[in-house]
Amino acid sequence: MGLFDKLKSSLSKTKESVSSRLDEVLKVFKSVDEELFEELEEALIMADLGVNTACVIIDELRAKAKEKKITESADLKAELREILEQILTDGENKLVLEGSPAVVMVIGVNGVGKTTSIGKLANMYKNQGKKVVIAAADTFRAAAVQQLEVWADRAGAEIVKQQEGADPAAVIFDAVTAARKRGADVLLCDTAGRLHNKKNLMEELKKIYRILDKELPDSSKEVLLVLDATTGQNAVHQAQQFKEAADITGIILTKLDGTAKGGIVFAIKNDYSIPVKLIGLGEQIDDIDEFDPKAFVDAIIPKSEE
């Protein structure tokens, strides 16, 4: 299966949620009027795009319809696709990997697929011919390090760890030293999977940042928040909370294959200006891919039914 076919298959539930709702409205309302825009807005909200994002999209659609003198409702679909694509492409969508090693920090609450995502990332970079070192700095959760070890072994990546309860910053320091010594291209840093106290999390992350900035001043530093797509608007709320506590550069959106709530991609980007950079499309070690905004929109709102 090609990448787009895999994406299309994984997003079938989201497509059903978004495209089917929109098609239903466009079939009922043949002409373009205010009632149509209200119904389209409601359809977008019901498809998990969120109230704010739905309002922004419909305002833009209303303006385009007026500007282009669109009178047939069916002609709005192409304009809507364009607006959705623009939301996702506005800003930097690509992962930045510069310096040796480039740093990728992964944060997120427990249960969203953080450990799995790190293992998949390690495998992806290994397959690109890169040498990967993993820092097991989520030292507070029981069995977190052991689970990460299993994924590191599967991916063929080296792992740096300490005992449970160790200072996460100390693990990061050891991992930087090891990554340099071993000539690693990428340093993947696991971090605490909790958000019960934003101040503690912020202080912990600041400590880690300081070490990385001091030891690797010329390396790029991605801070990726892992969100579980199946939780819908709760994931959007997590994005808000973590954005207050950390300088997030992108999102890893997991479990897209099992949910109809992929519309949250638009809400996260529109409300908090955080781009989705990677998506998880299944349980296998190679079920992760860089996010392609155009392919995503094509998969959930096809130009024509195939």
Protein backbone atom coordinates (compact mmCIF):
# COMPACT_ATOMS: atom_id res chain seq x y z
CA MET A 1 0.00 0.00 0.00
CA GLY A 2 1.36 3.41 -0.97
CA LEU A 3 1.70 6.19 1.59
CA PHE A 4 -1.36 8.11 0.38
CA ASP A 5 -3.48 4.93 0.25
CA LYS A 6 -2.39 4.11 3.79
CA LEU A 7 -3.25 7.65 4.92
CA LYS A 8 -6.61 7.50 3.16
CA SER A 9 -7.41 4.16 4.75
CA SER A 10 -6.35 5.35 8.21
CA LEU A 11 -8.43 8.51 7.91
CA SER A 12 -11.58 6.78 6.68
CA LYS A 13 -13.47 7.47 9.94
CA THR A 14 -12.43 11.13 9.94
CA LYS A 15 -13.43 11.38 6.27
CA GLU A 16 -16.85 9.96 7.17
CA SER A 17 -17.15 12.53 9.96
CA VAL A 18 -16.03 15.58 7.95
CA SER A 19 -16.78 14.96 4.28
CA SER A 20 -20.09 13.17 4.73
CA ARG A 21 -21.46 15.94 6.94
CA LEU A 22 -20.41 18.61 4.47
CA ASP A 23 -21.80 16.71 1.47
CA GLU A 24 -25.13 16.27 3.26
CA VAL A 25 -25.43 20.03 3.83
CA LEU A 26 -24.36 20.90 0.27
CA LYS A 27 -26.96 18.51 -1.16
CA VAL A 28 -29.79 20.00 0.91
CA PHE A 29 -28.91 23.63 0.19
CA LYS A 30 -28.47 24.21 -3.52
CA SER A 31 -28.04 27.97 -3.41
CA VAL A 32 -25.55 29.98 -1.39
CA ASP A 33 -27.21 31.88 1.45
CA GLU A 34 -26.72 32.61 5.14
CA GLU A 35 -28.61 29.50 6.23
CA LEU A 36 -26.17 27.36 4.24
CA PHE A 37 -23.18 28.97 5.96
CA GLU A 38 -24.75 28.36 9.38
CA GLU A 39 -25.35 24.70 8.57
CA LEU A 40 -21.78 24.28 7.25
CA GLU A 41 -20.42 25.88 10.42
CA GLU A 42 -22.41 23.45 12.56
CA ALA A 43 -21.18 20.52 10.43
CA LEU A 44 -17.55 21.57 11.02
CA ILE A 45 -18.12 21.91 14.77
CA MET A 46 -19.71 18.44 14.87
CA ALA A 47 -16.65 17.11 13.00
CA ASP A 48 -14.37 18.20 15.90
CA LEU A 49 -12.87 21.28 14.26
CA GLY A 50 -13.97 23.33 17.28
CA VAL A 51 -16.15 26.44 17.50
CA ASN A 52 -13.38 29.04 16.99
CA THR A 53 -11.90 27.25 13.99
CA ALA A 54 -15.30 26.60 12.39
CA CYS A 55 -16.15 30.31 12.70
CA VAL A 56 -12.83 31.35 11.11
CA ILE A 57 -13.30 28.90 8.23
CA ILE A 58 -16.88 29.93 7.51
CA ASP A 59 -16.04 33.66 7.67
CA GLU A 60 -13.31 33.04 5.11
CA LEU A 61 -15.65 30.92 2.98
CA ARG A 62 -18.32 33.62 3.12
CA ALA A 63 -15.79 36.22 1.95
CA LYS A 64 -14.57 34.01 -0.90
CA ALA A 65 -18.13 33.29 -2.05
CA LYS A 66 -18.86 37.01 -2.15
CA GLU A 67 -15.59 37.88 -3.89
CA LYS A 68 -15.97 35.18 -6.55
CA LYS A 69 -19.75 35.61 -6.83
CA ILE A 70 -20.38 31.92 -6.11
CA THR A 71 -24.08 31.09 -6.23
CA GLU A 72 -24.07 27.26 -6.43
CA SER A 73 -23.46 25.46 -3.13
CA ALA A 74 -21.51 22.64 -4.83
CA ASP A 75 -18.88 25.18 -5.92
CA LEU A 76 -18.04 25.95 -2.29
CA LYS A 77 -16.34 22.60 -1.72
CA ALA A 78 -13.19 23.50 -3.66
CA GLU A 79 -12.96 26.81 -1.78
CA LEU A 80 -13.38 25.02 1.55
CA ARG A 81 -10.62 22.56 0.72
CA GLU A 82 -8.33 25.47 -0.12
CA ILE A 83 -9.08 27.23 3.20
CA LEU A 84 -8.46 24.04 5.21
CA GLU A 85 -5.18 23.42 3.40
CA GLN A 86 -4.08 27.01 4.03
CA ILE A 87 -4.69 26.66 7.78
CA LEU A 88 -2.42 23.61 7.91
CA THR A 89 0.32 24.96 5.64
CA ASP A 90 0.62 28.35 7.36
CA GLY A 91 3.97 28.19 9.19
CA GLU A 92 6.64 25.50 9.48
CA ASN A 93 5.35 21.93 9.08
CA LYS A 94 8.63 20.13 8.55
CA LEU A 95 10.83 18.74 11.29
CA VAL A 96 14.09 20.64 11.64
CA LEU A 97 17.12 18.39 12.16
CA GLU A 98 20.32 20.42 12.21
CA GLY A 99 23.60 19.97 14.03
CA SER A 100 25.16 16.82 15.38
CA PRO A 101 23.22 15.51 17.10
CA ALA A 102 19.92 17.20 16.30
CA VAL A 103 17.66 17.12 19.37
CA VAL A 104 14.05 15.96 19.45
CA MET A 105 12.33 16.25 22.84
CA VAL A 106 9.05 14.37 23.22
CA ILE A 107 6.48 15.41 25.84
CA GLY A 108 2.89 14.42 26.62
CA VAL A 109 0.69 12.86 29.28
CA ASN A 110 0.85 9.14 29.98
CA GLY A 111 -1.25 6.94 27.74
CA VAL A 112 -1.19 9.03 24.55
CA GLY A 113 1.47 6.91 22.81
CA LYS A 114 4.58 8.84 23.82
CA THR A 115 6.88 5.84 24.30
CA THR A 116 5.55 4.17 21.15
CA SER A 117 6.09 7.36 19.14
CA ILE A 118 9.71 7.62 20.29
CA GLY A 119 10.31 4.02 19.22
CA LYS A 120 8.71 4.67 15.83
CA LEU A 121 10.75 7.88 15.38
CA ALA A 122 13.95 6.03 16.24
CA ASN A 123 13.08 3.38 13.65
CA MET A 124 12.22 6.03 11.02
CA TYR A 125 15.57 7.78 11.47
CA LYS A 126 17.50 4.49 11.52
CA ASN A 127 15.86 3.61 8.20
CA GLN A 128 17.09 6.95 6.85
CA GLY A 129 20.64 5.89 7.74
CA LYS A 130 20.90 8.03 10.87
CA LYS A 131 22.52 6.99 14.13
CA VAL A 132 20.04 7.46 17.00
CA VAL A 133 20.50 7.73 20.76
CA ILE A 134 17.47 7.75 23.09
CA ALA A 135 17.51 9.50 26.48
CA ALA A 136 15.14 7.78 28.93
CA ALA A 137 14.41 10.90 31.00
CA ASP A 138 10.86 9.98 32.07
CA THR A 139 12.23 8.60 35.31
CA PHE A 140 9.13 8.94 37.48
CA ARG A 141 6.66 6.54 35.91
CA ALA A 142 7.10 2.92 36.90
CA ALA A 143 8.23 0.76 33.96
CA ALA A 144 8.62 3.78 31.61
CA VAL A 145 12.32 3.08 31.10
CA GLN A 146 11.76 -0.66 30.55
CA GLN A 147 9.07 0.02 27.94
CA LEU A 148 11.36 2.45 26.16
CA GLU A 149 14.16 -0.14 26.21
CA VAL A 150 11.92 -2.61 24.37
CA TRP A 151 11.19 -0.04 21.63
CA ALA A 152 14.83 1.05 21.41
CA ASP A 153 15.84 -2.59 20.94
CA ARG A 154 13.22 -3.07 18.21
CA ALA A 155 14.42 0.07 16.43
CA GLY A 156 18.09 -0.78 16.82
CA ALA A 157 18.79 2.45 18.71
CA GLU A 158 21.06 2.98 21.70
CA ILE A 159 19.47 4.07 24.98
CA VAL A 160 20.88 6.04 27.92
CA LYS A 161 19.12 5.50 31.25
CA GLN A 162 19.46 5.78 35.01
CA GLN A 163 17.54 4.27 37.89
CA GLU A 164 13.86 5.06 38.50
CA GLY A 165 13.42 8.42 40.23
CA ALA A 166 16.72 9.83 38.95
CA ASP A 167 17.02 13.50 37.98
CA PRO A 168 15.77 13.76 34.35
CA ALA A 169 18.31 16.52 33.62
CA ALA A 170 21.14 14.21 34.70
CA VAL A 171 19.91 11.57 32.24
CA ILE A 172 19.86 14.19 29.47
CA PHE A 173 23.42 15.27 30.31
CA ASP A 174 24.63 11.64 30.15
CA ALA A 175 22.76 11.14 26.87
CA VAL A 176 24.35 14.23 25.29
CA THR A 177 27.79 12.93 26.30
CA ALA A 178 27.01 9.48 24.89
CA ALA A 179 25.53 10.89 21.67
CA ARG A 180 28.66 12.94 21.02
CA LYS A 181 30.96 10.03 21.81
CA ARG A 182 29.05 7.70 19.50
CA GLY A 183 28.67 10.24 16.67
CA ALA A 184 24.88 10.21 16.81
CA ASP A 185 22.85 12.15 14.26
CA VAL A 186 19.70 12.39 16.39
CA LEU A 187 19.15 12.52 20.16
CA LEU A 188 15.58 11.57 21.10
CA CYS A 189 14.65 12.71 24.62
CA ASP A 190 11.75 11.17 26.50
CA THR A 191 10.41 13.46 29.23
CA ALA A 192 7.95 13.31 32.12
CA GLY A 193 4.46 12.17 31.17
CA ARG A 194 2.44 14.21 33.59
CA LEU A 195 0.77 17.60 33.86
CA HIS A 196 -0.62 17.68 37.39
CA ASN A 197 1.60 20.64 38.23
CA LYS A 198 2.53 22.92 35.34
CA LYS A 199 5.08 24.81 37.43
CA ASN A 200 7.05 21.65 38.22
CA LEU A 201 6.92 20.51 34.61
CA MET A 202 8.03 23.93 33.41
CA GLU A 203 10.97 24.01 35.80
CA GLU A 204 12.00 20.49 34.83
CA LEU A 205 11.86 21.30 31.11
CA LYS A 206 13.74 24.57 31.61
CA LYS A 207 16.50 22.65 33.37
CA ILE A 208 16.68 20.22 30.44
CA TYR A 209 16.68 23.12 27.93
CA ARG A 210 19.57 24.77 29.75
CA ILE A 211 21.68 21.64 29.53
CA LEU A 212 20.88 21.11 25.85
CA ASP A 213 21.54 24.77 25.00
CA LYS A 214 24.84 24.77 26.85
CA GLU A 215 26.09 21.40 25.60
CA LEU A 216 24.65 21.53 22.06
CA PRO A 217 24.40 25.24 21.16
CA ASP A 218 24.53 24.60 17.39
CA SER A 219 21.95 21.80 17.32
CA SER A 220 18.30 22.27 16.37
CA LYS A 221 15.84 21.48 19.15
CA GLU A 222 12.38 20.21 18.31
CA VAL A 223 9.89 19.96 21.20
CA LEU A 224 7.10 17.63 20.09
CA LEU A 225 3.87 17.18 22.04
CA VAL A 226 2.21 13.78 21.63
CA LEU A 227 -1.60 13.91 21.49
CA ASP A 228 -4.09 11.06 21.17
CA ALA A 229 -6.51 11.90 18.33
CA THR A 230 -9.20 9.64 19.80
CA THR A 231 -9.64 12.05 22.74
CA GLY A 232 -10.91 14.81 20.42
CA GLN A 233 -11.37 18.19 22.10
CA ASN A 234 -9.56 16.91 25.22
CA ALA A 235 -6.41 16.73 23.08
CA VAL A 236 -6.97 20.38 22.09
CA HIS A 237 -7.19 21.25 25.80
CA GLN A 238 -3.91 19.38 26.47
CA ALA A 239 -2.25 21.39 23.69
CA GLN A 240 -3.33 24.59 25.44
CA GLN A 241 -1.98 23.43 28.83
CA PHE A 242 1.36 22.22 27.50
CA LYS A 243 1.81 25.36 25.39
CA GLU A 244 1.62 27.34 28.65
CA ALA A 245 4.32 25.14 30.17
CA ALA A 246 6.68 24.49 27.26
CA ASP A 247 7.94 25.99 24.00
CA ILE A 248 6.29 23.44 21.72
CA THR A 249 7.48 23.35 18.10
CA GLY A 250 5.09 20.69 16.82
CA ILE A 251 2.59 17.90 17.45
CA ILE A 252 2.79 14.14 17.01
CA LEU A 253 -0.85 13.10 16.55
CA THR A 254 -1.32 9.41 17.34
CA LYS A 255 -4.09 6.83 16.81
CA LEU A 256 -5.54 8.62 13.78
CA ASP A 257 -6.43 5.24 12.30
CA GLY A 258 -8.96 4.51 15.04
CA THR A 259 -10.91 7.74 15.28
CA ALA A 260 -13.36 10.03 13.51
CA LYS A 261 -11.88 13.01 15.38
CA GLY A 262 -8.98 13.89 13.08
CA GLY A 263 -10.59 17.31 12.60
CA ILE A 264 -8.81 18.44 15.78
CA VAL A 265 -5.72 18.96 13.57
CA PHE A 266 -7.34 22.19 12.36
CA ALA A 267 -8.39 23.33 15.83
CA ILE A 268 -4.90 22.85 17.30
CA LYS A 269 -3.26 24.72 14.42
CA ASN A 270 -5.80 27.54 14.26
CA ASP A 271 -6.27 28.11 18.02
CA TYR A 272 -2.68 27.65 19.21
CA SER A 273 -0.51 27.98 16.08
CA ILE A 274 1.10 24.59 16.74
CA PRO A 275 1.67 22.60 13.54
CA VAL A 276 1.16 18.85 13.39
CA LYS A 277 4.52 17.51 12.20
CA LEU A 278 4.06 13.75 12.54
CA ILE A 279 1.09 11.39 12.54
CA GLY A 280 0.68 7.87 13.87
CA LEU A 281 -1.37 5.60 11.63
CA GLY A 282 -1.30 2.23 13.39
CA GLU A 283 0.38 -0.16 15.81
CA GLN A 284 3.40 -1.24 13.76
CA ILE A 285 6.87 0.24 14.21
CA ASP A 286 6.77 1.88 10.77
CA ASP A 287 3.28 3.37 11.28
CA ILE A 288 4.47 6.95 11.62
CA ASP A 289 4.96 9.54 8.92
CA GLU A 290 5.72 13.21 8.45
CA PHE A 291 2.51 15.20 8.19
CA ASP A 292 1.51 16.32 4.69
CA PRO A 293 -1.25 18.99 4.90
CA LYS A 294 -2.35 18.62 1.27
CA ALA A 295 -2.52 14.82 1.46
CA PHE A 296 -4.44 15.09 4.75
CA VAL A 297 -7.09 17.39 3.23
CA ASP A 298 -7.24 15.21 0.09
CA ALA A 299 -7.87 12.15 2.27
CA ILE A 300 -10.71 13.64 4.33
CA ILE A 301 -12.36 15.77 1.62
CA PRO A 302 -11.64 14.08 -1.72
CA LYS A 303 -11.90 16.17 -4.88
CA SER A 304 -14.14 13.48 -6.31
CA GLU A 305 -15.39 10.19 -4.94
CA GLU A 306 -13.34 7.28 -6.14
